[in-house]
Amino acid sequence: MDHFDRLGLPRRFSLDGTAIEREYLARSRALHPDFHQLGSSTEQAASVALSAALNEAYATLKDPFKRAEYLLRLEGGPSASELKDVPPEFLEEMLDLRMEIAGLEANSPQAQAMESQLATRRDAMVAEVGRMLDGLAPETRITQLADIRRRLNAIKYVQNLIRDLRAL
């Protein structure tokens, strides 16, 4: 059973956040260990294990980046350790941005503007990956999965810059 099955959701990137939340809460009530205190030790252990699996499914599917990573894995795509490619010009841009961040002061208007721009860029990149995942074509599947991995690798760089800006 995968995370989508566990939450009763279709296996695709495009999911409604409220539907994810609703399905999680409905299943959480039924599985939560507090509702199985009077059960046998076997039932209590099963409740704990199922509740933990449900929590993991929810944490993965509610975050669009994690959902994309998970879907890529389910589709048989390469992991980040198997395919580390990112276009050289993108890496150069990230290095330039990192140096620019090093010269910024915490909570400055420049830092806030850069964080906002990077967050918008990240969100657009994740949305594009989602469209790619939802539109996998059998004839180009292997190439598409590799391209999705490269894009997820790039998103990690952008997320790390956002993290660095927040740590100023």
N, C-alpha and C. Protein backbone atom coordinates (compact mmCIF):
# COMPACT_ATOMS: atom_id res chain seq x y z
N MET A 1 0.85 -1.18 0.00
CA MET A 1 0.00 0.00 0.00
C MET A 1 0.90 1.24 0.00
N ASP A 2 0.67 2.15 -0.96
CA ASP A 2 1.47 3.37 -1.00
C ASP A 2 0.73 4.50 -0.28
N HIS A 3 1.36 5.66 -0.22
CA HIS A 3 0.79 6.80 0.51
C HIS A 3 -0.55 7.24 -0.08
N PHE A 4 -0.70 7.15 -1.39
CA PHE A 4 -1.95 7.56 -2.01
C PHE A 4 -3.08 6.61 -1.60
N ASP A 5 -2.79 5.31 -1.64
CA ASP A 5 -3.78 4.31 -1.20
C ASP A 5 -4.14 4.53 0.26
N ARG A 6 -3.12 4.78 1.07
CA ARG A 6 -3.32 4.94 2.50
C ARG A 6 -4.29 6.09 2.80
N LEU A 7 -4.26 7.12 1.96
CA LEU A 7 -5.16 8.27 2.17
C LEU A 7 -6.38 8.23 1.24
N GLY A 8 -6.51 7.16 0.45
CA GLY A 8 -7.66 7.04 -0.43
C GLY A 8 -7.68 8.08 -1.54
N LEU A 9 -6.50 8.44 -2.03
CA LEU A 9 -6.39 9.47 -3.05
C LEU A 9 -5.85 8.87 -4.35
N PRO A 10 -6.16 9.49 -5.49
CA PRO A 10 -5.62 9.00 -6.75
C PRO A 10 -4.10 9.25 -6.81
N ARG A 11 -3.40 8.38 -7.51
CA ARG A 11 -1.95 8.50 -7.62
C ARG A 11 -1.62 9.49 -8.74
N ARG A 12 -1.53 10.75 -8.35
CA ARG A 12 -1.16 11.82 -9.28
C ARG A 12 -0.63 13.00 -8.48
N PHE A 13 0.05 13.90 -9.16
CA PHE A 13 0.61 15.06 -8.48
C PHE A 13 -0.49 16.05 -8.11
N SER A 14 -1.37 16.33 -9.05
CA SER A 14 -2.41 17.34 -8.85
C SER A 14 -3.45 16.83 -7.85
N LEU A 15 -3.31 17.29 -6.63
CA LEU A 15 -4.26 16.95 -5.57
C LEU A 15 -4.67 18.22 -4.86
N ASP A 16 -5.88 18.24 -4.39
CA ASP A 16 -6.40 19.35 -3.62
C ASP A 16 -5.92 19.23 -2.18
N GLY A 17 -5.30 20.28 -1.68
CA GLY A 17 -4.78 20.26 -0.31
C GLY A 17 -5.85 19.99 0.73
N THR A 18 -7.06 20.51 0.51
CA THR A 18 -8.13 20.27 1.47
C THR A 18 -8.57 18.80 1.44
N ALA A 19 -8.50 18.18 0.26
CA ALA A 19 -8.85 16.75 0.16
C ALA A 19 -7.82 15.91 0.91
N ILE A 20 -6.55 16.27 0.79
CA ILE A 20 -5.50 15.55 1.51
C ILE A 20 -5.76 15.65 3.01
N GLU A 21 -6.03 16.85 3.47
CA GLU A 21 -6.29 17.10 4.89
C GLU A 21 -7.53 16.34 5.36
N ARG A 22 -8.60 16.41 4.58
CA ARG A 22 -9.86 15.76 4.94
C ARG A 22 -9.68 14.24 5.07
N GLU A 23 -9.02 13.64 4.09
CA GLU A 23 -8.82 12.19 4.11
C GLU A 23 -7.91 11.78 5.26
N TYR A 24 -6.90 12.59 5.52
CA TYR A 24 -6.00 12.30 6.64
C TYR A 24 -6.77 12.32 7.96
N LEU A 25 -7.54 13.37 8.18
CA LEU A 25 -8.26 13.50 9.45
C LEU A 25 -9.28 12.37 9.63
N ALA A 26 -9.97 12.02 8.57
CA ALA A 26 -10.97 10.95 8.65
C ALA A 26 -10.31 9.62 9.03
N ARG A 27 -9.19 9.32 8.40
CA ARG A 27 -8.51 8.06 8.68
C ARG A 27 -7.78 8.10 10.02
N SER A 28 -7.30 9.26 10.38
CA SER A 28 -6.57 9.42 11.64
C SER A 28 -7.48 9.11 12.83
N ARG A 29 -8.70 9.58 12.75
CA ARG A 29 -9.65 9.32 13.84
C ARG A 29 -9.86 7.81 14.04
N ALA A 30 -9.96 7.10 12.94
CA ALA A 30 -10.24 5.66 13.03
C ALA A 30 -9.02 4.86 13.49
N LEU A 31 -7.83 5.34 13.15
CA LEU A 31 -6.62 4.57 13.46
C LEU A 31 -5.90 4.99 14.73
N HIS A 32 -6.19 6.17 15.23
CA HIS A 32 -5.39 6.72 16.33
C HIS A 32 -5.35 5.76 17.53
N PRO A 33 -4.16 5.59 18.12
CA PRO A 33 -4.01 4.67 19.26
C PRO A 33 -4.91 4.98 20.44
N ASP A 34 -5.30 6.23 20.63
CA ASP A 34 -6.19 6.58 21.75
C ASP A 34 -7.54 5.86 21.65
N PHE A 35 -7.96 5.54 20.44
CA PHE A 35 -9.24 4.86 20.26
C PHE A 35 -9.12 3.35 20.39
N HIS A 36 -7.91 2.86 20.63
CA HIS A 36 -7.69 1.41 20.72
C HIS A 36 -7.04 1.02 22.06
N GLN A 37 -7.22 1.87 23.06
CA GLN A 37 -6.60 1.60 24.37
C GLN A 37 -7.15 0.34 25.02
N LEU A 38 -8.38 0.01 24.74
CA LEU A 38 -8.98 -1.16 25.37
C LEU A 38 -8.76 -2.44 24.56
N GLY A 39 -8.13 -2.30 23.41
CA GLY A 39 -7.87 -3.46 22.56
C GLY A 39 -6.70 -4.28 23.08
N SER A 40 -6.48 -5.40 22.45
CA SER A 40 -5.36 -6.26 22.83
C SER A 40 -4.04 -5.55 22.50
N SER A 41 -2.96 -6.09 23.03
CA SER A 41 -1.66 -5.49 22.75
C SER A 41 -1.34 -5.56 21.26
N THR A 42 -1.81 -6.59 20.60
CA THR A 42 -1.62 -6.72 19.16
C THR A 42 -2.38 -5.63 18.42
N GLU A 43 -3.63 -5.38 18.84
CA GLU A 43 -4.43 -4.33 18.22
C GLU A 43 -3.82 -2.94 18.48
N GLN A 44 -3.31 -2.74 19.68
CA GLN A 44 -2.69 -1.46 20.01
C GLN A 44 -1.42 -1.24 19.18
N ALA A 45 -0.62 -2.28 19.03
CA ALA A 45 0.61 -2.17 18.24
C ALA A 45 0.27 -1.90 16.77
N ALA A 46 -0.76 -2.57 16.28
CA ALA A 46 -1.18 -2.35 14.89
C ALA A 46 -1.67 -0.91 14.71
N SER A 47 -2.39 -0.41 15.70
CA SER A 47 -2.89 0.95 15.64
C SER A 47 -1.73 1.95 15.59
N VAL A 48 -0.72 1.73 16.40
CA VAL A 48 0.45 2.62 16.41
C VAL A 48 1.16 2.58 15.06
N ALA A 49 1.36 1.39 14.52
CA ALA A 49 2.05 1.24 13.25
C ALA A 49 1.25 1.88 12.10
N LEU A 50 -0.05 1.63 12.08
CA LEU A 50 -0.88 2.19 11.03
C LEU A 50 -0.98 3.71 11.13
N SER A 51 -1.04 4.20 12.35
CA SER A 51 -1.10 5.64 12.57
C SER A 51 0.21 6.31 12.12
N ALA A 52 1.34 5.69 12.40
CA ALA A 52 2.63 6.22 11.97
C ALA A 52 2.73 6.24 10.45
N ALA A 53 2.26 5.18 9.81
CA ALA A 53 2.28 5.11 8.34
C ALA A 53 1.36 6.19 7.75
N LEU A 54 0.22 6.40 8.37
CA LEU A 54 -0.70 7.44 7.91
C LEU A 54 -0.08 8.83 8.05
N ASN A 55 0.59 9.07 9.17
CA ASN A 55 1.25 10.36 9.39
C ASN A 55 2.34 10.59 8.35
N GLU A 56 3.09 9.55 8.03
CA GLU A 56 4.13 9.66 7.00
C GLU A 56 3.51 9.97 5.64
N ALA A 57 2.42 9.29 5.31
CA ALA A 57 1.74 9.54 4.04
C ALA A 57 1.27 10.99 3.96
N TYR A 58 0.68 11.47 5.03
CA TYR A 58 0.19 12.84 5.06
C TYR A 58 1.32 13.84 4.90
N ALA A 59 2.40 13.65 5.65
CA ALA A 59 3.54 14.57 5.58
C ALA A 59 4.14 14.60 4.18
N THR A 60 4.15 13.48 3.52
CA THR A 60 4.71 13.40 2.17
C THR A 60 3.78 14.05 1.14
N LEU A 61 2.51 13.73 1.19
CA LEU A 61 1.59 14.20 0.15
C LEU A 61 1.17 15.65 0.31
N LYS A 62 1.20 16.18 1.52
CA LYS A 62 0.77 17.58 1.68
C LYS A 62 1.82 18.56 1.16
N ASP A 63 3.09 18.13 1.08
CA ASP A 63 4.17 18.98 0.59
C ASP A 63 4.38 18.69 -0.90
N PRO A 64 4.15 19.67 -1.77
CA PRO A 64 4.25 19.41 -3.21
C PRO A 64 5.62 18.86 -3.65
N PHE A 65 6.70 19.36 -3.08
CA PHE A 65 8.03 18.86 -3.45
C PHE A 65 8.19 17.40 -3.03
N LYS A 66 7.83 17.10 -1.80
CA LYS A 66 7.93 15.71 -1.33
C LYS A 66 7.01 14.80 -2.13
N ARG A 67 5.83 15.30 -2.48
CA ARG A 67 4.89 14.52 -3.29
C ARG A 67 5.51 14.20 -4.65
N ALA A 68 6.17 15.18 -5.26
CA ALA A 68 6.82 14.97 -6.56
C ALA A 68 7.95 13.94 -6.43
N GLU A 69 8.77 14.09 -5.40
CA GLU A 69 9.85 13.12 -5.16
C GLU A 69 9.28 11.71 -5.00
N TYR A 70 8.23 11.59 -4.23
CA TYR A 70 7.61 10.29 -3.96
C TYR A 70 7.02 9.69 -5.24
N LEU A 71 6.31 10.51 -6.01
CA LEU A 71 5.74 10.02 -7.26
C LEU A 71 6.83 9.58 -8.23
N LEU A 72 7.91 10.34 -8.30
CA LEU A 72 9.02 9.96 -9.17
C LEU A 72 9.55 8.59 -8.78
N ARG A 73 9.69 8.36 -7.48
CA ARG A 73 10.16 7.05 -7.00
C ARG A 73 9.16 5.95 -7.37
N LEU A 74 7.86 6.21 -7.15
CA LEU A 74 6.85 5.21 -7.50
C LEU A 74 6.84 4.89 -8.99
N GLU A 75 7.14 5.89 -9.80
CA GLU A 75 7.15 5.69 -11.25
C GLU A 75 8.44 5.04 -11.74
N GLY A 76 9.37 4.79 -10.83
CA GLY A 76 10.61 4.13 -11.22
C GLY A 76 11.68 5.09 -11.72
N GLY A 77 11.52 6.37 -11.42
CA GLY A 77 12.50 7.36 -11.85
C GLY A 77 13.77 7.30 -11.03
N PRO A 78 14.82 7.94 -11.52
CA PRO A 78 16.10 7.92 -10.81
C PRO A 78 16.05 8.73 -9.51
N SER A 79 16.83 8.28 -8.54
CA SER A 79 16.95 9.01 -7.28
C SER A 79 17.97 10.14 -7.46
N ALA A 80 18.03 11.01 -6.48
CA ALA A 80 18.99 12.11 -6.54
C ALA A 80 20.42 11.60 -6.54
N SER A 81 20.67 10.48 -5.90
CA SER A 81 22.03 9.93 -5.89
C SER A 81 22.37 9.23 -7.21
N GLU A 82 21.35 8.77 -7.93
CA GLU A 82 21.58 8.11 -9.21
C GLU A 82 21.78 9.09 -10.36
N LEU A 83 21.14 10.25 -10.27
CA LEU A 83 21.24 11.25 -11.32
C LEU A 83 21.37 12.62 -10.65
N LYS A 84 22.57 13.15 -10.68
CA LYS A 84 22.87 14.41 -9.98
C LYS A 84 22.93 15.60 -10.91
N ASP A 85 22.59 15.40 -12.18
CA ASP A 85 22.72 16.45 -13.19
C ASP A 85 21.89 17.68 -12.88
N VAL A 86 22.52 18.82 -13.13
CA VAL A 86 21.86 20.11 -13.14
C VAL A 86 22.63 20.91 -14.21
N PRO A 87 21.94 21.65 -15.06
CA PRO A 87 22.65 22.40 -16.11
C PRO A 87 23.73 23.31 -15.52
N PRO A 88 24.91 23.34 -16.14
CA PRO A 88 26.02 24.17 -15.61
C PRO A 88 25.65 25.64 -15.46
N GLU A 89 24.87 26.19 -16.40
CA GLU A 89 24.48 27.60 -16.30
C GLU A 89 23.58 27.84 -15.09
N PHE A 90 22.78 26.83 -14.73
CA PHE A 90 21.93 26.94 -13.54
C PHE A 90 22.81 26.96 -12.29
N LEU A 91 23.82 26.07 -12.25
CA LEU A 91 24.73 26.04 -11.10
C LEU A 91 25.48 27.36 -10.96
N GLU A 92 25.87 27.92 -12.07
CA GLU A 92 26.56 29.22 -12.05
C GLU A 92 25.65 30.30 -11.48
N GLU A 93 24.40 30.29 -11.91
CA GLU A 93 23.43 31.25 -11.38
C GLU A 93 23.24 31.07 -9.88
N MET A 94 23.16 29.83 -9.41
CA MET A 94 22.98 29.57 -7.99
C MET A 94 24.18 30.05 -7.18
N LEU A 95 25.37 29.87 -7.73
CA LEU A 95 26.58 30.35 -7.06
C LEU A 95 26.56 31.88 -6.97
N ASP A 96 26.16 32.55 -8.04
CA ASP A 96 26.07 34.01 -8.02
C ASP A 96 25.05 34.47 -6.97
N LEU A 97 23.92 33.79 -6.90
CA LEU A 97 22.90 34.16 -5.91
C LEU A 97 23.40 33.90 -4.49
N ARG A 98 24.12 32.81 -4.31
CA ARG A 98 24.67 32.51 -2.99
C ARG A 98 25.63 33.61 -2.53
N MET A 99 26.45 34.09 -3.45
CA MET A 99 27.38 35.18 -3.11
C MET A 99 26.62 36.47 -2.81
N GLU A 100 25.55 36.70 -3.56
CA GLU A 100 24.73 37.87 -3.30
C GLU A 100 24.08 37.78 -1.92
N ILE A 101 23.61 36.60 -1.55
CA ILE A 101 23.00 36.39 -0.23
C ILE A 101 24.01 36.67 0.88
N ALA A 102 25.26 36.26 0.66
CA ALA A 102 26.31 36.46 1.67
C ALA A 102 26.51 37.94 1.97
N GLY A 103 26.18 38.81 1.02
CA GLY A 103 26.34 40.24 1.24
C GLY A 103 25.10 40.94 1.76
N LEU A 104 24.05 40.20 2.02
CA LEU A 104 22.80 40.80 2.50
C LEU A 104 22.72 40.81 4.02
N GLU A 105 21.96 41.74 4.53
CA GLU A 105 21.71 41.79 5.97
C GLU A 105 20.36 41.14 6.26
N ALA A 106 20.27 40.54 7.44
CA ALA A 106 19.04 39.86 7.85
C ALA A 106 17.86 40.81 7.81
N ASN A 107 16.75 40.33 7.31
CA ASN A 107 15.48 41.06 7.25
C ASN A 107 15.54 42.37 6.47
N SER A 108 16.57 42.55 5.68
CA SER A 108 16.63 43.75 4.86
C SER A 108 15.60 43.64 3.74
N PRO A 109 15.18 44.77 3.19
CA PRO A 109 14.23 44.71 2.08
C PRO A 109 14.78 43.89 0.90
N GLN A 110 16.09 43.95 0.68
CA GLN A 110 16.70 43.18 -0.41
C GLN A 110 16.59 41.68 -0.13
N ALA A 111 16.85 41.29 1.12
CA ALA A 111 16.76 39.87 1.49
C ALA A 111 15.32 39.37 1.37
N GLN A 112 14.38 40.18 1.82
CA GLN A 112 12.98 39.79 1.74
C GLN A 112 12.52 39.69 0.28
N ALA A 113 12.96 40.63 -0.55
CA ALA A 113 12.59 40.59 -1.96
C ALA A 113 13.18 39.37 -2.64
N MET A 114 14.43 39.05 -2.32
CA MET A 114 15.06 37.88 -2.93
C MET A 114 14.36 36.60 -2.48
N GLU A 115 14.01 36.52 -1.21
CA GLU A 115 13.31 35.34 -0.72
C GLU A 115 11.97 35.17 -1.43
N SER A 116 11.25 36.26 -1.62
CA SER A 116 9.97 36.22 -2.31
C SER A 116 10.15 35.76 -3.76
N GLN A 117 11.15 36.29 -4.43
CA GLN A 117 11.41 35.91 -5.83
C GLN A 117 11.78 34.44 -5.93
N LEU A 118 12.63 33.98 -5.02
CA LEU A 118 13.04 32.58 -5.04
C LEU A 118 11.87 31.65 -4.72
N ALA A 119 11.02 32.04 -3.79
CA ALA A 119 9.86 31.22 -3.45
C ALA A 119 8.91 31.12 -4.64
N THR A 120 8.71 32.21 -5.34
CA THR A 120 7.87 32.20 -6.53
C THR A 120 8.48 31.30 -7.60
N ARG A 121 9.77 31.41 -7.75
CA ARG A 121 10.47 30.58 -8.74
C ARG A 121 10.35 29.10 -8.37
N ARG A 122 10.58 28.79 -7.10
CA ARG A 122 10.46 27.40 -6.64
C ARG A 122 9.05 26.85 -6.89
N ASP A 123 8.05 27.63 -6.53
CA ASP A 123 6.67 27.19 -6.71
C ASP A 123 6.35 26.92 -8.19
N ALA A 124 6.86 27.78 -9.07
CA ALA A 124 6.65 27.58 -10.52
C ALA A 124 7.37 26.33 -10.99
N MET A 125 8.56 26.09 -10.48
CA MET A 125 9.33 24.90 -10.86
C MET A 125 8.62 23.63 -10.39
N VAL A 126 8.10 23.65 -9.17
CA VAL A 126 7.38 22.49 -8.64
C VAL A 126 6.11 22.24 -9.44
N ALA A 127 5.41 23.32 -9.80
CA ALA A 127 4.19 23.17 -10.61
C ALA A 127 4.51 22.55 -11.97
N GLU A 128 5.62 22.96 -12.57
CA GLU A 128 6.03 22.38 -13.86
C GLU A 128 6.34 20.90 -13.71
N VAL A 129 7.03 20.53 -12.65
CA VAL A 129 7.32 19.12 -12.39
C VAL A 129 6.01 18.35 -12.21
N GLY A 130 5.06 18.94 -11.53
CA GLY A 130 3.76 18.30 -11.35
C GLY A 130 3.06 18.04 -12.67
N ARG A 131 3.10 19.03 -13.56
CA ARG A 131 2.49 18.84 -14.88
C ARG A 131 3.19 17.72 -15.63
N MET A 132 4.50 17.66 -15.50
CA MET A 132 5.25 16.59 -16.17
C MET A 132 4.88 15.22 -15.61
N LEU A 133 4.77 15.13 -14.29
CA LEU A 133 4.41 13.86 -13.66
C LEU A 133 3.00 13.41 -14.05
N ASP A 134 2.09 14.36 -14.13
CA ASP A 134 0.71 14.02 -14.49
C ASP A 134 0.57 13.70 -15.98
N GLY A 135 1.57 14.08 -16.77
CA GLY A 135 1.48 13.87 -18.21
C GLY A 135 2.51 12.91 -18.77
N LEU A 136 2.95 11.95 -17.98
CA LEU A 136 3.95 11.00 -18.46
C LEU A 136 3.40 10.23 -19.67
N ALA A 137 4.22 10.14 -20.70
CA ALA A 137 3.84 9.43 -21.92
C ALA A 137 4.67 8.16 -22.04
N PRO A 138 4.05 7.03 -22.33
CA PRO A 138 4.78 5.76 -22.39
C PRO A 138 5.99 5.78 -23.33
N GLU A 139 5.85 6.46 -24.47
CA GLU A 139 6.93 6.43 -25.46
C GLU A 139 8.16 7.25 -25.06
N THR A 140 8.01 8.20 -24.15
CA THR A 140 9.15 9.02 -23.72
C THR A 140 9.34 8.98 -22.21
N ARG A 141 8.77 8.01 -21.58
CA ARG A 141 8.75 7.89 -20.12
C ARG A 141 10.14 7.98 -19.48
N ILE A 142 11.09 7.21 -19.96
CA ILE A 142 12.43 7.18 -19.35
C ILE A 142 13.09 8.56 -19.42
N THR A 143 12.99 9.20 -20.57
CA THR A 143 13.55 10.54 -20.74
C THR A 143 12.85 11.53 -19.84
N GLN A 144 11.52 11.44 -19.76
CA GLN A 144 10.75 12.35 -18.92
C GLN A 144 11.12 12.19 -17.45
N LEU A 145 11.26 10.95 -16.99
CA LEU A 145 11.60 10.72 -15.58
C LEU A 145 12.97 11.30 -15.26
N ALA A 146 13.92 11.16 -16.17
CA ALA A 146 15.25 11.74 -15.95
C ALA A 146 15.17 13.27 -15.92
N ASP A 147 14.37 13.85 -16.80
CA ASP A 147 14.21 15.30 -16.82
C ASP A 147 13.54 15.79 -15.53
N ILE A 148 12.57 15.04 -15.05
CA ILE A 148 11.92 15.40 -13.78
C ILE A 148 12.94 15.37 -12.65
N ARG A 149 13.79 14.35 -12.62
CA ARG A 149 14.83 14.27 -11.58
C ARG A 149 15.75 15.49 -11.65
N ARG A 150 16.17 15.88 -12.85
CA ARG A 150 17.04 17.05 -12.99
C ARG A 150 16.35 18.31 -12.45
N ARG A 151 15.08 18.43 -12.73
CA ARG A 151 14.34 19.60 -12.26
C ARG A 151 14.17 19.57 -10.73
N LEU A 152 13.94 18.40 -10.17
CA LEU A 152 13.86 18.30 -8.71
C LEU A 152 15.21 18.63 -8.08
N ASN A 153 16.29 18.22 -8.71
CA ASN A 153 17.62 18.57 -8.22
C ASN A 153 17.79 20.09 -8.21
N ALA A 154 17.35 20.75 -9.27
CA ALA A 154 17.44 22.20 -9.35
C ALA A 154 16.59 22.86 -8.27
N ILE A 155 15.41 22.33 -8.02
CA ILE A 155 14.53 22.89 -6.99
C ILE A 155 15.22 22.84 -5.63
N LYS A 156 15.97 21.77 -5.37
CA LYS A 156 16.68 21.68 -4.09
C LYS A 156 17.65 22.84 -3.92
N TYR A 157 18.32 23.23 -5.00
CA TYR A 157 19.23 24.37 -4.92
C TYR A 157 18.47 25.64 -4.55
N VAL A 158 17.33 25.86 -5.17
CA VAL A 158 16.53 27.05 -4.88
C VAL A 158 16.04 27.00 -3.43
N GLN A 159 15.58 25.83 -2.99
CA GLN A 159 15.13 25.69 -1.60
C GLN A 159 16.27 25.98 -0.62
N ASN A 160 17.47 25.55 -0.94
CA ASN A 160 18.61 25.81 -0.06
C ASN A 160 18.93 27.30 0.00
N LEU A 161 18.76 28.02 -1.10
CA LEU A 161 18.98 29.47 -1.07
C LEU A 161 17.93 30.13 -0.18
N ILE A 162 16.70 29.69 -0.27
CA ILE A 162 15.64 30.23 0.58
C ILE A 162 15.98 29.96 2.06
N ARG A 163 16.43 28.76 2.34
CA ARG A 163 16.83 28.41 3.71
C ARG A 163 17.95 29.33 4.18
N ASP A 164 18.94 29.57 3.32
CA ASP A 164 20.06 30.45 3.69
C ASP A 164 19.60 31.87 3.95
N LEU A 165 18.65 32.34 3.17
CA LEU A 165 18.11 33.71 3.38
C LEU A 165 17.40 33.78 4.73
N ARG A 166 16.67 32.75 5.07
CA ARG A 166 15.93 32.75 6.35
C ARG A 166 16.87 32.64 7.54
N ALA A 167 18.06 32.11 7.31
CA ALA A 167 19.03 31.92 8.39
C ALA A 167 19.90 33.15 8.62
N LEU A 168 19.74 34.17 7.78
CA LEU A 168 20.56 35.39 7.95
C LEU A 168 20.38 36.00 9.32
